[in-house]
Amino acid sequence: MNIIRRNISILSDDNLEEPVFTDASSEEQKKKFLTDALIEGEKSGFVKDFDPKAHLEKLNSSFSI
């Protein structure tokens, strides 16, 4: 009996009504997905008044026990 194993990624985007399923077993698909995500991040710009310490404090307060 041959068993074929595949990694399946479920992509979700606020602009999509339903998630997109892709076969992530291909290295080329993984590279393209990563490259596209990096390009999207670069195009999104920077937050001018970002305070990393305040942001970290906010995150920590959200998850404190």
Protein backbone atom coordinates (compact mmCIF):
# COMPACT_ATOMS: atom_id res chain seq x y z
CA MET A 1 0.00 0.00 0.00
CA ASN A 2 1.49 3.34 -1.05
CA ILE A 3 0.72 6.36 1.07
CA ILE A 4 1.16 9.83 -0.40
CA ARG A 5 1.74 12.52 2.19
CA ARG A 6 1.31 16.19 1.34
CA ASN A 7 1.56 19.42 3.25
CA ILE A 8 -1.52 21.52 2.65
CA SER A 9 -1.56 25.22 3.47
CA ILE A 10 -4.72 27.16 4.12
CA LEU A 11 -4.35 30.81 3.23
CA SER A 12 -6.72 33.32 4.67
CA ASP A 13 -6.91 36.95 3.65
CA ASP A 14 -9.25 39.66 4.88
CA ASN A 15 -10.09 40.38 1.24
CA LEU A 16 -11.13 36.80 0.53
CA GLU A 17 -14.49 35.39 1.47
CA GLU A 18 -13.14 31.85 1.69
CA PRO A 19 -9.66 30.48 2.41
CA VAL A 20 -7.49 29.40 -0.50
CA PHE A 21 -6.08 25.87 -0.31
CA THR A 22 -2.71 25.25 -1.91
CA ASP A 23 -0.44 22.24 -2.15
CA ALA A 24 2.67 23.45 -0.32
CA SER A 25 4.77 20.38 -1.07
CA SER A 26 6.45 22.07 -4.02
CA GLU A 27 9.55 24.08 -3.15
CA GLU A 28 8.78 26.48 -5.99
CA GLN A 29 5.35 27.22 -4.53
CA LYS A 30 6.89 27.84 -1.11
CA LYS A 31 9.48 30.21 -2.59
CA LYS A 32 6.84 32.10 -4.58
CA PHE A 33 4.57 32.43 -1.54
CA LEU A 34 7.44 33.75 0.58
CA THR A 35 8.64 36.13 -2.13
CA ASP A 36 5.10 37.48 -2.66
CA ALA A 37 4.66 37.98 1.09
CA LEU A 38 7.98 39.85 1.35
CA ILE A 39 7.09 42.10 -1.58
CA GLU A 40 3.68 42.83 -0.06
CA GLY A 41 5.37 43.72 3.24
CA GLU A 42 7.86 46.02 1.54
CA LYS A 43 5.06 47.81 -0.33
CA SER A 44 3.04 48.31 2.85
CA GLY A 45 5.43 50.99 4.10
CA PHE A 46 6.45 51.91 7.62
CA VAL A 47 4.58 53.20 10.63
CA LYS A 48 6.05 56.64 11.31
CA ASP A 49 5.20 56.96 15.00
CA PHE A 50 5.74 53.33 16.02
CA ASP A 51 6.92 52.91 19.63
CA PRO A 52 8.26 49.35 20.03
CA LYS A 53 8.38 49.52 23.84
CA ALA A 54 4.77 50.68 24.11
CA HIS A 55 3.71 48.03 21.60
CA LEU A 56 5.48 45.30 23.58
CA GLU A 57 3.88 46.49 26.83
CA LYS A 58 0.45 46.39 25.17
CA LEU A 59 1.07 42.85 23.89
CA ASN A 60 2.33 41.69 27.29
CA SER A 61 -0.68 43.18 29.08
CA SER A 62 -3.02 41.35 26.69
CA PHE A 63 -1.46 37.99 27.57
CA SER A 64 -0.70 38.42 31.26
CA ILE A 65 -2.04 35.79 33.62
